[in-house]
Structure formats: structure tokens, C-alpha cells
Amino acid sequence: MFGKSVIKGTRITVEHILRKLGGGITPDEIIEDHPHLKKGNYSA
């Protein structure tokens, strides 16, 4: 997405995930928001 790193097989940017984590969202909440992701798709 415009030269930004994305999670493989998705259009979700790494920046998006990091912003959510930095804002206090837990990995489990990210999975709830994006059910097609699995914890193995990313690690923080």
C-alpha cells in the first residue's frame, strides 16, 4: 500500500498494527477486529 510494509497475504499495513498496539489495543483485540489474521501473522 503505497510502498508501506504489509502483513503477508493482506492489505493491512505494519504501521496500522503498530499504531493499534501503541494505542493500547491488545493482540487479541486486533484479532477480533481482523479475524482473518492469526497471531502468527505478526508479533510485537
Protein backbone atom coordinates (compact mmCIF):
# COMPACT_ATOMS: atom_id res chain seq x y z
CA MET A 1 0.00 0.00 0.00
CA PHE A 2 1.89 2.95 -1.38
CA GLY A 3 5.28 1.40 -0.56
CA LYS A 4 4.45 0.57 3.06
CA SER A 5 5.13 -2.84 4.56
CA VAL A 6 2.06 -5.03 4.81
CA ILE A 7 1.26 -8.28 6.56
CA LYS A 8 1.71 -11.05 4.01
CA GLY A 9 -1.48 -12.02 2.25
CA THR A 10 -3.34 -8.92 3.48
CA ARG A 11 -3.62 -5.23 2.77
CA ILE A 12 -3.08 -4.39 6.45
CA THR A 13 -0.01 -2.25 6.96
CA VAL A 14 2.52 -2.93 9.68
CA GLU A 15 2.13 0.73 10.62
CA HIS A 16 -1.61 0.16 11.24
CA ILE A 17 -0.93 -2.73 13.62
CA LEU A 18 1.82 -0.81 15.44
CA ARG A 19 -0.44 2.20 15.89
CA LYS A 20 -3.12 -0.01 17.40
CA LEU A 21 -0.64 -1.68 19.75
CA GLY A 22 0.83 1.71 20.68
CA GLY A 23 -2.66 2.95 21.44
CA GLY A 24 -3.22 0.21 23.98
CA ILE A 25 -5.10 -2.31 21.85
CA THR A 26 -4.16 -5.88 22.75
CA PRO A 27 -3.19 -8.52 20.18
CA ASP A 28 -6.43 -10.36 20.99
CA GLU A 29 -8.43 -7.21 20.20
CA ILE A 30 -6.60 -6.87 16.89
CA ILE A 31 -7.61 -10.45 16.04
CA GLU A 32 -11.22 -9.56 16.93
CA ASP A 33 -11.06 -6.55 14.58
CA HIS A 34 -9.34 -8.55 11.81
CA PRO A 35 -10.48 -12.18 12.20
CA HIS A 36 -8.59 -13.30 9.08
CA LEU A 37 -5.33 -12.59 10.94
CA LYS A 38 -3.71 -15.08 13.25
CA LYS A 39 -1.23 -14.31 16.00
CA GLY A 40 1.43 -15.97 13.86
CA ASN A 41 0.95 -13.31 11.15
CA TYR A 42 2.67 -10.75 13.33
CA SER A 43 4.46 -10.38 16.61
CA ALA A 44 5.14 -7.25 18.59
